[in-house]
């Protein structure tokens, strides 16, 4: 396979040069020293240790909005939003009922306090 410099390999695999250098130092990755103390690493070695390069990994694709599963989820979301709106309306009505029930009791309580 092809030999890459430490910088090239790190870039292709989406890791830092320092990470690759540490893995070489601890023996996890085998590197080759070439002329001028330049180090290279074989792509097969990189794949063995780190898996496929970032550029060749499968990317997650979003499903088409016309896909049946997406339509079903959108429908469920719409139903949930309708239910939330309905429950908020009920809550407002209940709060109003509570306020109306408390008002006469409050007036009665204040009148009784005044009598004392």
C-alpha atoms as a PDB file:
ATOM      1  CA  UNK A   1       0.000   0.000   0.000  1.00  0.00           C
ATOM      2  CA  UNK A   2       0.966   3.668  -0.113  1.00  0.00           C
ATOM      3  CA  UNK A   3       3.235   5.317   2.396  1.00  0.00           C
ATOM      4  CA  UNK A   4       2.055   8.600   3.912  1.00  0.00           C
ATOM      5  CA  UNK A   5       3.844  11.164   6.005  1.00  0.00           C
ATOM      6  CA  UNK A   6       2.707  11.511   9.609  1.00  0.00           C
ATOM      7  CA  UNK A   7       0.950  14.783   8.727  1.00  0.00           C
ATOM      8  CA  UNK A   8      -0.800  13.316   5.687  1.00  0.00           C
ATOM      9  CA  UNK A   9      -1.959  10.245   7.596  1.00  0.00           C
ATOM     10  CA  UNK A  10      -3.236  12.325  10.521  1.00  0.00           C
ATOM     11  CA  UNK A  11      -5.151  14.592   8.161  1.00  0.00           C
ATOM     12  CA  UNK A  12      -6.677  11.660   6.212  1.00  0.00           C
ATOM     13  CA  UNK A  13      -7.806   9.884   9.376  1.00  0.00           C
ATOM     14  CA  UNK A  14      -8.980  13.002  11.171  1.00  0.00           C
ATOM     15  CA  UNK A  15      -6.615  12.643  14.120  1.00  0.00           C
ATOM     16  CA  UNK A  16      -3.880  14.913  15.422  1.00  0.00           C
ATOM     17  CA  UNK A  17      -0.236  14.448  14.481  1.00  0.00           C
ATOM     18  CA  UNK A  18       0.518  14.172  18.192  1.00  0.00           C
ATOM     19  CA  UNK A  19      -1.921  11.258  18.573  1.00  0.00           C
ATOM     20  CA  UNK A  20      -0.273   9.436  15.704  1.00  0.00           C
ATOM     21  CA  UNK A  21       3.194  10.141  17.112  1.00  0.00           C
ATOM     22  CA  UNK A  22       2.133   8.803  20.543  1.00  0.00           C
ATOM     23  CA  UNK A  23       0.744   5.626  18.954  1.00  0.00           C
ATOM     24  CA  UNK A  24       4.053   5.202  17.098  1.00  0.00           C
ATOM     25  CA  UNK A  25       6.013   5.719  20.322  1.00  0.00           C
ATOM     26  CA  UNK A  26       3.984   3.155  22.270  1.00  0.00           C
ATOM     27  CA  UNK A  27       4.222   0.636  19.401  1.00  0.00           C
ATOM     28  CA  UNK A  28       0.545   0.653  18.456  1.00  0.00           C
ATOM     29  CA  UNK A  29       1.386   1.950  14.970  1.00  0.00           C
ATOM     30  CA  UNK A  30       4.449   0.921  13.021  1.00  0.00           C
ATOM     31  CA  UNK A  31       6.217   3.771  11.247  1.00  0.00           C
ATOM     32  CA  UNK A  32       9.124   3.708   8.851  1.00  0.00           C
ATOM     33  CA  UNK A  33      12.001   6.166   9.095  1.00  0.00           C
ATOM     34  CA  UNK A  34      13.145   7.295   5.654  1.00  0.00           C
ATOM     35  CA  UNK A  35      15.898   9.657   4.553  1.00  0.00           C
ATOM     36  CA  UNK A  36      16.401  12.760   6.635  1.00  0.00           C
ATOM     37  CA  UNK A  37      14.734  11.277   9.742  1.00  0.00           C
ATOM     38  CA  UNK A  38      11.381  11.635   7.979  1.00  0.00           C
ATOM     39  CA  UNK A  39       8.760   9.165   9.209  1.00  0.00           C
ATOM     40  CA  UNK A  40       6.099   7.509   7.092  1.00  0.00           C
ATOM     41  CA  UNK A  41       3.277   5.145   7.858  1.00  0.00           C
ATOM     42  CA  UNK A  42       1.699   2.627   5.531  1.00  0.00           C
ATOM     43  CA  UNK A  43      -1.995   3.114   4.777  1.00  0.00           C
ATOM     44  CA  UNK A  44      -2.641  -0.564   5.587  1.00  0.00           C
ATOM     45  CA  UNK A  45      -1.192   0.046   9.059  1.00  0.00           C
ATOM     46  CA  UNK A  46      -3.433   3.085   9.519  1.00  0.00           C
ATOM     47  CA  UNK A  47      -6.487   1.061   8.477  1.00  0.00           C
ATOM     48  CA  UNK A  48      -5.491  -1.739  10.861  1.00  0.00           C
ATOM     49  CA  UNK A  49      -5.238   0.621  13.818  1.00  0.00           C
ATOM     50  CA  UNK A  50      -7.734   3.414  13.068  1.00  0.00           C
ATOM     51  CA  UNK A  51     -10.135   1.921  10.510  1.00  0.00           C
ATOM     52  CA  UNK A  52     -11.024   3.563   7.235  1.00  0.00           C
ATOM     53  CA  UNK A  53      -9.917   7.156   6.605  1.00  0.00           C
ATOM     54  CA  UNK A  54     -12.474   9.823   7.437  1.00  0.00           C
ATOM     55  CA  UNK A  55     -12.902  10.670   3.752  1.00  0.00           C
ATOM     56  CA  UNK A  56     -13.970   7.085   2.959  1.00  0.00           C
ATOM     57  CA  UNK A  57     -16.251   6.359   5.916  1.00  0.00           C
ATOM     58  CA  UNK A  58     -19.936   5.951   5.311  1.00  0.00           C
ATOM     59  CA  UNK A  59     -21.781   9.174   5.849  1.00  0.00           C
ATOM     60  CA  UNK A  60     -25.217   9.316   7.373  1.00  0.00           C
ATOM     61  CA  UNK A  61     -27.774  10.434   4.853  1.00  0.00           C
ATOM     62  CA  UNK A  62     -31.025  11.992   5.883  1.00  0.00           C
ATOM     63  CA  UNK A  63     -34.078  10.198   4.537  1.00  0.00           C
ATOM     64  CA  UNK A  64     -36.104  11.809   1.817  1.00  0.00           C
ATOM     65  CA  UNK A  65     -39.064  13.768   3.196  1.00  0.00           C
ATOM     66  CA  UNK A  66     -41.355  11.698   0.997  1.00  0.00           C
ATOM     67  CA  UNK A  67     -40.200   8.448   2.612  1.00  0.00           C
ATOM     68  CA  UNK A  68     -43.113   6.674   4.375  1.00  0.00           C
ATOM     69  CA  UNK A  69     -41.311   6.585   7.733  1.00  0.00           C
ATOM     70  CA  UNK A  70     -40.677  10.326   7.615  1.00  0.00           C
ATOM     71  CA  UNK A  71     -44.297  11.026   6.679  1.00  0.00           C
ATOM     72  CA  UNK A  72     -45.483   8.846   9.566  1.00  0.00           C
ATOM     73  CA  UNK A  73     -43.246  10.657  12.058  1.00  0.00           C
ATOM     74  CA  UNK A  74     -44.387  14.037  10.711  1.00  0.00           C
ATOM     75  CA  UNK A  75     -48.020  12.974  11.121  1.00  0.00           C
ATOM     76  CA  UNK A  76     -47.412  11.843  14.703  1.00  0.00           C
ATOM     77  CA  UNK A  77     -45.679  15.142  15.429  1.00  0.00           C
ATOM     78  CA  UNK A  78     -48.644  17.098  14.068  1.00  0.00           C
ATOM     79  CA  UNK A  79     -51.030  15.056  16.232  1.00  0.00           C
ATOM     80  CA  UNK A  80     -48.863  15.655  19.310  1.00  0.00           C
ATOM     81  CA  UNK A  81     -48.784  19.399  18.607  1.00  0.00           C
ATOM     82  CA  UNK A  82     -52.587  19.450  18.259  1.00  0.00           C
ATOM     83  CA  UNK A  83     -52.929  17.613  21.561  1.00  0.00           C
ATOM     84  CA  UNK A  84     -50.596  20.093  23.269  1.00  0.00           C
ATOM     85  CA  UNK A  85     -52.652  23.036  21.960  1.00  0.00           C
ATOM     86  CA  UNK A  86     -55.862  21.373  23.190  1.00  0.00           C
ATOM     87  CA  UNK A  87     -54.386  20.650  26.633  1.00  0.00           C
ATOM     88  CA  UNK A  88     -53.225  24.265  26.933  1.00  0.00           C
ATOM     89  CA  UNK A  89     -56.763  25.445  26.179  1.00  0.00           C
ATOM     90  CA  UNK A  90     -58.123  23.125  28.864  1.00  0.00           C
ATOM     91  CA  UNK A  91     -55.525  24.427  31.319  1.00  0.00           C
ATOM     92  CA  UNK A  92     -56.545  28.035  30.646  1.00  0.00           C
ATOM     93  CA  UNK A  93     -60.214  27.124  31.197  1.00  0.00           C
ATOM     94  CA  UNK A  94     -59.413  25.300  34.448  1.00  0.00           C
ATOM     95  CA  UNK A  95     -57.344  28.237  35.712  1.00  0.00           C
ATOM     96  CA  UNK A  96     -60.273  30.552  34.989  1.00  0.00           C
ATOM     97  CA  UNK A  97     -62.671  28.236  36.830  1.00  0.00           C
ATOM     98  CA  UNK A  98     -60.349  28.175  39.845  1.00  0.00           C
ATOM     99  CA  UNK A  99     -60.089  31.969  39.807  1.00  0.00           C
ATOM    100  CA  UNK A 100     -63.879  32.318  39.655  1.00  0.00           C
ATOM    101  CA  UNK A 101     -64.350  29.890  42.539  1.00  0.00           C
ATOM    102  CA  UNK A 102     -61.731  31.593  44.689  1.00  0.00           C
ATOM    103  CA  UNK A 103     -63.043  35.127  44.226  1.00  0.00           C
ATOM    104  CA  UNK A 104     -66.303  34.714  46.217  1.00  0.00           C
ATOM    105  CA  UNK A 105     -64.491  32.803  48.956  1.00  0.00           C
ATOM    106  CA  UNK A 106     -61.891  35.555  49.181  1.00  0.00           C
ATOM    107  CA  UNK A 107     -64.578  38.221  49.461  1.00  0.00           C
ATOM    108  CA  UNK A 108     -66.365  36.217  52.141  1.00  0.00           C
ATOM    109  CA  UNK A 109     -63.130  35.764  54.057  1.00  0.00           C
ATOM    110  CA  UNK A 110     -62.324  39.508  53.879  1.00  0.00           C
ATOM    111  CA  UNK A 111     -65.848  40.403  55.092  1.00  0.00           C
ATOM    112  CA  UNK A 112     -65.519  38.012  58.021  1.00  0.00           C
ATOM    113  CA  UNK A 113     -62.186  39.556  58.958  1.00  0.00           C
ATOM    114  CA  UNK A 114     -63.708  43.016  58.942  1.00  0.00           C
ATOM    115  CA  UNK A 115     -66.485  41.896  61.278  1.00  0.00           C
ATOM    116  CA  UNK A 116     -63.984  40.789  63.889  1.00  0.00           C
END
